[in-house]
Amino acid sequence: MSDSEDKDKLMRVGELAKVVGKTVRAMHLYEELGLLEPRSRSEGGFRLYGAEAVDRIHWIVKLQAIGFTLAEIQGFVRDFQRSGSSHEATSRVRAMFVEKQTQIREQITQLQVIENDLSEALVYLDSCDSCSGHVPAECGRCDHHGHQRDEAPPLFAGLSRQRADDKGFDVPVTVLYREGNN
């Protein structure tokens, strides 16, 4: 079969689902949401999809990976199709993409902070490998192996400071309850 014949070959929903690694139910959902349309129907009434359906599903999957929900995708597909002009249609899509890009950049910044916190904790913990003869409760106040007393990285300090006399981390529940009801 040539490439052009392969592109023109129509697939039933089960074949399409297998090609894209999705379930038949997912294909039906995409169709219900207006995100996917069969090219035609067989004499028996089965939905038939072309190669463009594979591309469309890959597009949907990519948008979901970016963080769009199916409802958001449905909304901007509908808005795009109903726009009065191509300029209006592309402007709406552009605005949604800019908003998503801003959200992703914020997530990247948050993840970079988390990654830095983890790196700091791991460097600290690497020096603990040679530590012995101490109990875990002492870790939060450690001044061994180059550590400074009470200066453990926050990710580790939260774990290792468990005692009530460690700088006020322990607040009785009754105090929280009274303050919350005032």
N, C-alpha and C. Protein backbone atom coordinates (compact mmCIF):
# COMPACT_ATOMS: atom_id res chain seq x y z
N MET A 1 0.84 -1.18 0.00
CA MET A 1 0.00 0.00 0.00
C MET A 1 0.89 1.25 0.00
N SER A 2 0.61 2.21 -0.84
CA SER A 2 1.40 3.43 -0.90
C SER A 2 0.99 4.38 0.22
N ASP A 3 1.80 5.42 0.41
CA ASP A 3 1.50 6.41 1.45
C ASP A 3 0.16 7.08 1.21
N SER A 4 -0.16 7.39 -0.07
CA SER A 4 -1.43 8.06 -0.35
C SER A 4 -2.60 7.13 -0.09
N GLU A 5 -2.45 5.83 -0.40
CA GLU A 5 -3.52 4.88 -0.10
C GLU A 5 -3.68 4.73 1.40
N ASP A 6 -2.55 4.72 2.12
CA ASP A 6 -2.57 4.59 3.57
C ASP A 6 -3.27 5.79 4.20
N LYS A 7 -3.02 7.00 3.65
CA LYS A 7 -3.67 8.20 4.17
C LYS A 7 -5.17 8.20 3.91
N ASP A 8 -5.57 7.61 2.80
CA ASP A 8 -6.99 7.58 2.44
C ASP A 8 -7.74 6.42 3.08
N LYS A 9 -7.04 5.51 3.71
CA LYS A 9 -7.69 4.37 4.35
C LYS A 9 -8.51 4.87 5.53
N LEU A 10 -9.76 4.47 5.56
CA LEU A 10 -10.63 4.88 6.65
C LEU A 10 -10.62 3.81 7.73
N MET A 11 -10.69 4.28 8.98
CA MET A 11 -10.63 3.38 10.13
C MET A 11 -11.93 3.47 10.91
N ARG A 12 -12.32 2.34 11.45
CA ARG A 12 -13.44 2.35 12.38
C ARG A 12 -12.91 2.85 13.72
N VAL A 13 -13.81 3.17 14.61
CA VAL A 13 -13.43 3.81 15.88
C VAL A 13 -12.44 2.95 16.68
N GLY A 14 -12.62 1.65 16.69
CA GLY A 14 -11.70 0.78 17.42
C GLY A 14 -10.29 0.81 16.85
N GLU A 15 -10.21 0.84 15.51
CA GLU A 15 -8.89 0.92 14.86
C GLU A 15 -8.23 2.26 15.19
N LEU A 16 -9.00 3.32 15.13
CA LEU A 16 -8.48 4.64 15.45
C LEU A 16 -7.97 4.68 16.89
N ALA A 17 -8.76 4.16 17.80
CA ALA A 17 -8.36 4.15 19.21
C ALA A 17 -7.04 3.40 19.39
N LYS A 18 -6.91 2.29 18.70
CA LYS A 18 -5.67 1.50 18.81
C LYS A 18 -4.48 2.28 18.26
N VAL A 19 -4.67 2.95 17.12
CA VAL A 19 -3.58 3.71 16.49
C VAL A 19 -3.08 4.81 17.42
N VAL A 20 -3.99 5.48 18.12
CA VAL A 20 -3.60 6.63 18.96
C VAL A 20 -3.37 6.24 20.42
N GLY A 21 -3.59 4.98 20.76
CA GLY A 21 -3.36 4.54 22.14
C GLY A 21 -4.39 5.04 23.13
N LYS A 22 -5.60 5.19 22.66
CA LYS A 22 -6.70 5.64 23.52
C LYS A 22 -7.79 4.58 23.54
N THR A 23 -8.80 4.79 24.36
CA THR A 23 -9.92 3.87 24.40
C THR A 23 -11.00 4.30 23.42
N VAL A 24 -11.85 3.37 23.07
CA VAL A 24 -12.99 3.69 22.21
C VAL A 24 -13.86 4.72 22.91
N ARG A 25 -14.00 4.59 24.22
CA ARG A 25 -14.79 5.55 24.99
C ARG A 25 -14.23 6.96 24.85
N ALA A 26 -12.91 7.09 24.86
CA ALA A 26 -12.28 8.41 24.69
C ALA A 26 -12.63 8.98 23.31
N MET A 27 -12.62 8.12 22.29
CA MET A 27 -12.97 8.59 20.94
C MET A 27 -14.42 9.10 20.92
N HIS A 28 -15.30 8.35 21.56
CA HIS A 28 -16.71 8.77 21.61
C HIS A 28 -16.86 10.07 22.39
N LEU A 29 -16.10 10.21 23.48
CA LEU A 29 -16.15 11.45 24.26
C LEU A 29 -15.69 12.63 23.42
N TYR A 30 -14.58 12.46 22.70
CA TYR A 30 -14.09 13.54 21.85
C TYR A 30 -15.15 13.94 20.82
N GLU A 31 -15.84 12.94 20.29
CA GLU A 31 -16.89 13.24 19.32
C GLU A 31 -18.06 13.95 19.98
N GLU A 32 -18.46 13.49 21.17
CA GLU A 32 -19.56 14.14 21.90
C GLU A 32 -19.25 15.59 22.20
N LEU A 33 -17.99 15.88 22.47
CA LEU A 33 -17.58 17.25 22.80
C LEU A 33 -17.38 18.12 21.56
N GLY A 34 -17.51 17.52 20.40
CA GLY A 34 -17.32 18.27 19.16
C GLY A 34 -15.87 18.45 18.79
N LEU A 35 -14.99 17.64 19.35
CA LEU A 35 -13.56 17.75 19.07
C LEU A 35 -13.12 16.83 17.95
N LEU A 36 -13.94 15.87 17.61
CA LEU A 36 -13.59 14.88 16.60
C LEU A 36 -14.84 14.55 15.79
N GLU A 37 -14.66 14.48 14.49
CA GLU A 37 -15.79 14.15 13.62
C GLU A 37 -15.37 13.03 12.68
N PRO A 38 -16.24 12.03 12.52
CA PRO A 38 -15.92 11.00 11.54
C PRO A 38 -15.98 11.59 10.14
N ARG A 39 -15.16 11.07 9.25
CA ARG A 39 -15.20 11.55 7.87
C ARG A 39 -16.47 11.08 7.18
N SER A 40 -16.88 9.87 7.51
CA SER A 40 -18.10 9.33 6.92
C SER A 40 -18.58 8.15 7.77
N ARG A 41 -19.59 7.48 7.25
CA ARG A 41 -20.11 6.28 7.91
C ARG A 41 -20.15 5.15 6.90
N SER A 42 -19.96 3.95 7.42
CA SER A 42 -20.03 2.78 6.55
C SER A 42 -21.49 2.48 6.22
N GLU A 43 -21.69 1.52 5.31
CA GLU A 43 -23.06 1.13 4.97
C GLU A 43 -23.79 0.61 6.21
N GLY A 44 -23.04 0.03 7.13
CA GLY A 44 -23.64 -0.47 8.37
C GLY A 44 -23.79 0.60 9.44
N GLY A 45 -23.41 1.83 9.15
CA GLY A 45 -23.58 2.93 10.09
C GLY A 45 -22.40 3.15 11.02
N PHE A 46 -21.29 2.43 10.81
CA PHE A 46 -20.12 2.62 11.67
C PHE A 46 -19.39 3.91 11.30
N ARG A 47 -18.90 4.59 12.30
CA ARG A 47 -18.12 5.81 12.07
C ARG A 47 -16.81 5.42 11.39
N LEU A 48 -16.40 6.22 10.43
CA LEU A 48 -15.14 5.98 9.72
C LEU A 48 -14.29 7.25 9.79
N TYR A 49 -13.04 7.06 10.18
CA TYR A 49 -12.13 8.18 10.39
C TYR A 49 -10.94 8.07 9.45
N GLY A 50 -10.45 9.21 9.01
CA GLY A 50 -9.25 9.27 8.17
C GLY A 50 -8.03 9.63 9.00
N ALA A 51 -6.92 9.78 8.31
CA ALA A 51 -5.65 10.11 8.97
C ALA A 51 -5.73 11.44 9.72
N GLU A 52 -6.59 12.35 9.25
CA GLU A 52 -6.72 13.65 9.93
C GLU A 52 -7.22 13.48 11.36
N ALA A 53 -7.96 12.40 11.63
CA ALA A 53 -8.44 12.15 12.99
C ALA A 53 -7.28 11.82 13.92
N VAL A 54 -6.29 11.10 13.41
CA VAL A 54 -5.10 10.79 14.21
C VAL A 54 -4.40 12.09 14.58
N ASP A 55 -4.23 12.96 13.60
CA ASP A 55 -3.60 14.27 13.87
C ASP A 55 -4.41 15.06 14.89
N ARG A 56 -5.73 15.04 14.77
CA ARG A 56 -6.59 15.79 15.67
C ARG A 56 -6.45 15.26 17.10
N ILE A 57 -6.41 13.96 17.26
CA ILE A 57 -6.27 13.37 18.60
C ILE A 57 -4.90 13.70 19.19
N HIS A 58 -3.86 13.64 18.37
CA HIS A 58 -2.54 14.03 18.87
C HIS A 58 -2.54 15.48 19.32
N TRP A 59 -3.26 16.34 18.59
CA TRP A 59 -3.39 17.75 18.97
C TRP A 59 -4.10 17.88 20.31
N ILE A 60 -5.19 17.15 20.49
CA ILE A 60 -5.94 17.17 21.76
C ILE A 60 -5.04 16.72 22.90
N VAL A 61 -4.31 15.63 22.70
CA VAL A 61 -3.42 15.10 23.74
C VAL A 61 -2.33 16.12 24.09
N LYS A 62 -1.81 16.79 23.08
CA LYS A 62 -0.77 17.80 23.33
C LYS A 62 -1.34 18.97 24.15
N LEU A 63 -2.53 19.41 23.79
CA LEU A 63 -3.16 20.50 24.56
C LEU A 63 -3.42 20.08 26.00
N GLN A 64 -3.84 18.82 26.20
CA GLN A 64 -4.05 18.33 27.56
C GLN A 64 -2.72 18.29 28.32
N ALA A 65 -1.65 17.90 27.65
CA ALA A 65 -0.33 17.87 28.29
C ALA A 65 0.11 19.27 28.69
N ILE A 66 -0.28 20.25 27.92
CA ILE A 66 0.04 21.65 28.23
C ILE A 66 -0.76 22.12 29.45
N GLY A 67 -1.89 21.46 29.71
CA GLY A 67 -2.68 21.83 30.88
C GLY A 67 -4.10 22.24 30.57
N PHE A 68 -4.51 22.17 29.32
CA PHE A 68 -5.88 22.50 28.98
C PHE A 68 -6.79 21.32 29.33
N THR A 69 -7.95 21.63 29.86
CA THR A 69 -8.94 20.59 30.11
C THR A 69 -9.72 20.36 28.81
N LEU A 70 -10.41 19.24 28.76
CA LEU A 70 -11.24 18.98 27.58
C LEU A 70 -12.31 20.06 27.42
N ALA A 71 -12.85 20.54 28.53
CA ALA A 71 -13.87 21.60 28.47
C ALA A 71 -13.27 22.88 27.89
N GLU A 72 -12.05 23.21 28.26
CA GLU A 72 -11.40 24.40 27.70
C GLU A 72 -11.14 24.23 26.21
N ILE A 73 -10.68 23.04 25.83
CA ILE A 73 -10.43 22.77 24.42
C ILE A 73 -11.74 22.87 23.65
N GLN A 74 -12.78 22.28 24.20
CA GLN A 74 -14.09 22.33 23.56
C GLN A 74 -14.53 23.79 23.39
N GLY A 75 -14.36 24.59 24.43
CA GLY A 75 -14.77 25.99 24.38
C GLY A 75 -14.03 26.79 23.34
N PHE A 76 -12.71 26.63 23.27
CA PHE A 76 -12.04 27.47 22.28
C PHE A 76 -12.16 26.93 20.87
N VAL A 77 -12.42 25.63 20.69
CA VAL A 77 -12.74 25.11 19.35
C VAL A 77 -14.07 25.70 18.90
N ARG A 78 -15.05 25.67 19.80
CA ARG A 78 -16.37 26.22 19.48
C ARG A 78 -16.27 27.72 19.18
N ASP A 79 -15.55 28.46 20.02
CA ASP A 79 -15.39 29.90 19.80
C ASP A 79 -14.67 30.18 18.48
N PHE A 80 -13.66 29.38 18.19
CA PHE A 80 -12.90 29.54 16.95
C PHE A 80 -13.82 29.35 15.74
N GLN A 81 -14.60 28.29 15.78
CA GLN A 81 -15.48 27.98 14.65
C GLN A 81 -16.60 28.99 14.49
N ARG A 82 -17.04 29.59 15.57
CA ARG A 82 -18.17 30.53 15.53
C ARG A 82 -17.74 31.98 15.34
N SER A 83 -16.46 32.23 15.30
CA SER A 83 -15.97 33.61 15.16
C SER A 83 -16.41 34.19 13.82
N GLY A 84 -16.60 35.50 13.84
CA GLY A 84 -17.05 36.18 12.63
C GLY A 84 -15.95 36.38 11.61
N SER A 85 -14.70 36.37 12.08
CA SER A 85 -13.59 36.57 11.15
C SER A 85 -12.38 35.76 11.62
N SER A 86 -11.46 35.57 10.71
CA SER A 86 -10.25 34.83 11.08
C SER A 86 -9.44 35.61 12.11
N HIS A 87 -9.44 36.94 12.00
CA HIS A 87 -8.71 37.76 12.97
C HIS A 87 -9.28 37.57 14.37
N GLU A 88 -10.59 37.60 14.48
CA GLU A 88 -11.25 37.39 15.78
C GLU A 88 -10.94 35.98 16.31
N ALA A 89 -11.02 35.00 15.44
CA ALA A 89 -10.78 33.61 15.83
C ALA A 89 -9.35 33.42 16.35
N THR A 90 -8.39 33.91 15.60
CA THR A 90 -7.00 33.72 16.00
C THR A 90 -6.64 34.56 17.22
N SER A 91 -7.27 35.71 17.37
CA SER A 91 -7.02 36.54 18.55
C SER A 91 -7.47 35.84 19.83
N ARG A 92 -8.61 35.17 19.76
CA ARG A 92 -9.11 34.44 20.93
C ARG A 92 -8.17 33.29 21.30
N VAL A 93 -7.76 32.56 20.29
CA VAL A 93 -6.85 31.43 20.55
C VAL A 93 -5.53 31.96 21.11
N ARG A 94 -5.03 33.04 20.52
CA ARG A 94 -3.78 33.62 20.99
C ARG A 94 -3.89 34.03 22.46
N ALA A 95 -4.99 34.65 22.83
CA ALA A 95 -5.19 35.08 24.22
C ALA A 95 -5.18 33.88 25.17
N MET A 96 -5.82 32.79 24.76
CA MET A 96 -5.83 31.59 25.61
C MET A 96 -4.43 31.00 25.73
N PHE A 97 -3.68 30.98 24.62
CA PHE A 97 -2.33 30.44 24.65
C PHE A 97 -1.41 31.32 25.49
N VAL A 98 -1.56 32.63 25.42
CA VAL A 98 -0.74 33.54 26.24
C VAL A 98 -1.04 33.31 27.71
N GLU A 99 -2.32 33.17 28.06
CA GLU A 99 -2.69 32.91 29.45
C GLU A 99 -2.10 31.59 29.95
N LYS A 100 -2.17 30.56 29.13
CA LYS A 100 -1.62 29.25 29.52
C LYS A 100 -0.10 29.33 29.64
N GLN A 101 0.54 30.06 28.73
CA GLN A 101 1.99 30.22 28.80
C GLN A 101 2.39 30.93 30.09
N THR A 102 1.62 31.93 30.50
CA THR A 102 1.90 32.64 31.76
C THR A 102 1.77 31.68 32.94
N GLN A 103 0.72 30.86 32.93
CA GLN A 103 0.54 29.88 34.00
C GLN A 103 1.69 28.89 34.04
N ILE A 104 2.12 28.42 32.89
CA ILE A 104 3.22 27.46 32.83
C ILE A 104 4.52 28.09 33.33
N ARG A 105 4.75 29.33 32.97
CA ARG A 105 5.97 30.02 33.45
C ARG A 105 5.94 30.16 34.97
N GLU A 106 4.76 30.43 35.53
CA GLU A 106 4.64 30.50 36.99
C GLU A 106 4.92 29.14 37.62
N GLN A 107 4.40 28.08 37.00
CA GLN A 107 4.66 26.73 37.50
C GLN A 107 6.14 26.40 37.43
N ILE A 108 6.79 26.80 36.34
CA ILE A 108 8.23 26.55 36.19
C ILE A 108 8.99 27.25 37.31
N THR A 109 8.62 28.48 37.60
CA THR A 109 9.28 29.23 38.67
C THR A 109 9.10 28.52 40.01
N GLN A 110 7.86 28.07 40.28
CA GLN A 110 7.59 27.33 41.52
C GLN A 110 8.38 26.04 41.58
N LEU A 111 8.46 25.34 40.47
CA LEU A 111 9.22 24.09 40.43
C LEU A 111 10.71 24.33 40.61
N GLN A 112 11.22 25.45 40.10
CA GLN A 112 12.63 25.78 40.29
C GLN A 112 12.93 26.04 41.77
N VAL A 113 12.02 26.71 42.46
CA VAL A 113 12.19 26.94 43.90
C VAL A 113 12.19 25.60 44.63
N ILE A 114 11.25 24.75 44.29
CA ILE A 114 11.18 23.43 44.92
C ILE A 114 12.45 22.63 44.63
N GLU A 115 12.92 22.68 43.39
CA GLU A 115 14.13 21.95 43.02
C GLU A 115 15.33 22.47 43.81
N ASN A 116 15.41 23.78 43.99
CA ASN A 116 16.50 24.36 44.79
C ASN A 116 16.40 23.91 46.25
N ASP A 117 15.18 23.90 46.80
CA ASP A 117 15.00 23.42 48.17
C ASP A 117 15.44 21.98 48.32
N LEU A 118 15.08 21.15 47.34
CA LEU A 118 15.49 19.74 47.38
C LEU A 118 17.01 19.60 47.26
N SER A 119 17.62 20.37 46.37
CA SER A 119 19.08 20.31 46.21
C SER A 119 19.78 20.70 47.50
N GLU A 120 19.29 21.76 48.14
CA GLU A 120 19.87 22.22 49.41
C GLU A 120 19.74 21.12 50.48
N ALA A 121 18.59 20.50 50.55
CA ALA A 121 18.38 19.44 51.54
C ALA A 121 19.26 18.23 51.23
N LEU A 122 19.41 17.89 49.97
CA LEU A 122 20.23 16.73 49.61
C LEU A 122 21.70 16.96 49.92
N VAL A 123 22.20 18.15 49.66
CA VAL A 123 23.59 18.46 50.00
C VAL A 123 23.78 18.32 51.51
N TYR A 124 22.86 18.84 52.27
CA TYR A 124 22.91 18.75 53.72
C TYR A 124 22.90 17.28 54.15
N LEU A 125 21.98 16.51 53.58
CA LEU A 125 21.84 15.11 53.97
C LEU A 125 23.02 14.26 53.53
N ASP A 126 23.69 14.64 52.45
CA ASP A 126 24.88 13.89 52.02
C ASP A 126 25.94 13.89 53.10
N SER A 127 26.04 14.98 53.85
CA SER A 127 27.05 15.04 54.91
C SER A 127 26.63 14.22 56.13
N CYS A 128 25.39 13.78 56.17
CA CYS A 128 24.90 12.98 57.29
C CYS A 128 25.26 11.50 57.14
N ASP A 129 25.75 11.10 55.97
CA ASP A 129 26.07 9.69 55.73
C ASP A 129 27.05 9.13 56.75
N SER A 130 27.97 9.94 57.19
CA SER A 130 28.99 9.44 58.13
C SER A 130 28.58 9.62 59.58
N CYS A 131 27.41 10.13 59.81
CA CYS A 131 26.96 10.38 61.18
C CYS A 131 26.49 9.08 61.83
N SER A 132 26.91 8.87 63.06
CA SER A 132 26.43 7.71 63.82
C SER A 132 26.49 8.07 65.30
N GLY A 133 25.76 7.34 66.08
CA GLY A 133 25.78 7.56 67.51
C GLY A 133 24.85 8.66 67.99
N HIS A 134 24.02 9.18 67.12
CA HIS A 134 23.08 10.21 67.50
C HIS A 134 21.66 9.72 67.23
N VAL A 135 20.70 10.27 67.93
CA VAL A 135 19.31 9.90 67.72
C VAL A 135 18.67 10.92 66.77
N PRO A 136 17.62 10.51 66.05
CA PRO A 136 17.01 11.43 65.08
C PRO A 136 16.57 12.77 65.66
N ALA A 137 16.16 12.81 66.92
CA ALA A 137 15.73 14.08 67.51
C ALA A 137 16.85 15.10 67.55
N GLU A 138 18.09 14.66 67.49
CA GLU A 138 19.24 15.58 67.51
C GLU A 138 19.52 16.19 66.14
N CYS A 139 18.95 15.61 65.10
CA CYS A 139 19.26 16.07 63.74
C CYS A 139 18.87 17.54 63.50
N GLY A 140 17.79 17.98 64.08
CA GLY A 140 17.35 19.35 63.89
C GLY A 140 18.26 20.37 64.53
N ARG A 141 19.10 19.92 65.46
CA ARG A 141 20.03 20.82 66.15
C ARG A 141 21.49 20.49 65.84
N CYS A 142 21.70 19.69 64.83
CA CYS A 142 23.03 19.15 64.53
C CYS A 142 24.06 20.25 64.29
N ASP A 143 25.22 20.04 64.90
CA ASP A 143 26.36 20.92 64.61
C ASP A 143 27.59 20.08 64.27
N HIS A 144 27.34 18.90 63.72
CA HIS A 144 28.42 17.98 63.31
C HIS A 144 28.62 18.07 61.80
N HIS A 145 29.77 17.63 61.34
CA HIS A 145 30.08 17.48 59.90
C HIS A 145 29.82 18.75 59.10
N GLY A 146 30.18 19.89 59.68
CA GLY A 146 30.04 21.15 58.97
C GLY A 146 28.68 21.81 59.10
N HIS A 147 27.76 21.21 59.81
CA HIS A 147 26.43 21.80 60.00
C HIS A 147 26.49 22.87 61.08
N GLN A 148 25.64 23.84 60.95
CA GLN A 148 25.50 24.87 61.98
C GLN A 148 24.27 24.53 62.81
N ARG A 149 24.37 24.67 64.12
CA ARG A 149 23.26 24.35 65.01
C ARG A 149 22.00 25.11 64.60
N ASP A 150 20.88 24.39 64.54
CA ASP A 150 19.57 24.94 64.22
C ASP A 150 19.50 25.62 62.84
N GLU A 151 20.35 25.21 61.89
CA GLU A 151 20.32 25.80 60.55
C GLU A 151 20.17 24.74 59.47
N ALA A 152 19.40 23.72 59.75
CA ALA A 152 19.12 22.70 58.73
C ALA A 152 18.23 23.33 57.65
N PRO A 153 18.37 22.87 56.41
CA PRO A 153 17.49 23.40 55.35
C PRO A 153 16.03 23.18 55.72
N PRO A 154 15.15 24.08 55.32
CA PRO A 154 13.74 23.99 55.72
C PRO A 154 13.07 22.64 55.45
N LEU A 155 13.36 22.00 54.32
CA LEU A 155 12.72 20.72 54.04
C LEU A 155 13.10 19.65 55.05
N PHE A 156 14.34 19.71 55.52
CA PHE A 156 14.78 18.72 56.51
C PHE A 156 14.43 19.20 57.92
N ALA A 157 14.52 20.48 58.16
CA ALA A 157 14.23 21.02 59.49
C ALA A 157 12.80 20.71 59.91
N GLY A 158 11.87 20.78 58.98
CA GLY A 158 10.47 20.48 59.29
C GLY A 158 10.28 19.05 59.76
N LEU A 159 11.11 18.15 59.28
CA LEU A 159 11.05 16.75 59.68
C LEU A 159 11.78 16.53 61.00
N SER A 160 12.90 17.17 61.16
CA SER A 160 13.76 16.85 62.29
C SER A 160 13.45 17.64 63.56
N ARG A 161 12.68 18.68 63.48
CA ARG A 161 12.29 19.44 64.67
C ARG A 161 10.93 18.97 65.13
N GLN A 162 10.92 18.01 66.02
CA GLN A 162 9.68 17.39 66.44
C GLN A 162 9.30 17.71 67.87
N ARG A 163 10.20 18.26 68.63
CA ARG A 163 9.94 18.45 70.06
C ARG A 163 9.29 19.80 70.32
N ALA A 164 8.50 19.86 71.36
CA ALA A 164 7.75 21.07 71.70
C ALA A 164 8.66 22.24 72.03
N ASP A 165 9.87 21.98 72.53
CA ASP A 165 10.76 23.08 72.91
C ASP A 165 11.60 23.58 71.74
N ASP A 166 11.32 23.15 70.52
CA ASP A 166 12.05 23.60 69.35
C ASP A 166 11.40 24.85 68.76
N LYS A 167 11.64 25.98 69.34
CA LYS A 167 11.25 27.28 68.80
C LYS A 167 9.77 27.41 68.50
N GLY A 168 8.91 26.86 69.32
CA GLY A 168 7.49 27.10 69.21
C GLY A 168 6.77 26.43 68.06
N PHE A 169 7.26 25.33 67.55
CA PHE A 169 6.56 24.63 66.47
C PHE A 169 5.30 23.94 66.97
N ASP A 170 5.21 23.71 68.27
CA ASP A 170 4.10 22.94 68.83
C ASP A 170 3.11 23.91 69.48
N VAL A 171 1.90 23.97 68.95
CA VAL A 171 0.84 24.81 69.49
C VAL A 171 -0.31 23.89 69.87
N PRO A 172 -0.78 23.97 71.13
CA PRO A 172 -1.88 23.10 71.53
C PRO A 172 -3.12 23.35 70.67
N VAL A 173 -3.81 22.28 70.33
CA VAL A 173 -5.00 22.36 69.50
C VAL A 173 -6.06 23.24 70.15
N THR A 174 -6.15 23.22 71.47
CA THR A 174 -7.16 24.03 72.15
C THR A 174 -6.94 25.52 71.90
N VAL A 175 -5.70 25.95 71.79
CA VAL A 175 -5.40 27.35 71.51
C VAL A 175 -5.87 27.69 70.09
N LEU A 176 -5.58 26.83 69.13
CA LEU A 176 -6.02 27.06 67.75
C LEU A 176 -7.53 27.10 67.67
N TYR A 177 -8.19 26.21 68.39
CA TYR A 177 -9.63 26.12 68.35
C TYR A 177 -10.25 27.40 68.92
N ARG A 178 -9.74 27.86 70.07
CA ARG A 178 -10.28 29.08 70.68
C ARG A 178 -10.06 30.28 69.79
N GLU A 179 -8.84 30.40 69.20
CA GLU A 179 -8.55 31.56 68.37
C GLU A 179 -9.39 31.55 67.10
N GLY A 180 -9.67 30.37 66.57
CA GLY A 180 -10.45 30.27 65.34
C GLY A 180 -11.91 30.60 65.54
N ASN A 181 -12.43 30.54 66.77
CA ASN A 181 -13.84 30.80 67.03
C ASN A 181 -14.11 32.20 67.56
N ASN A 182 -13.11 33.01 67.68
CA ASN A 182 -13.31 34.37 68.20
C ASN A 182 -13.77 35.30 67.13
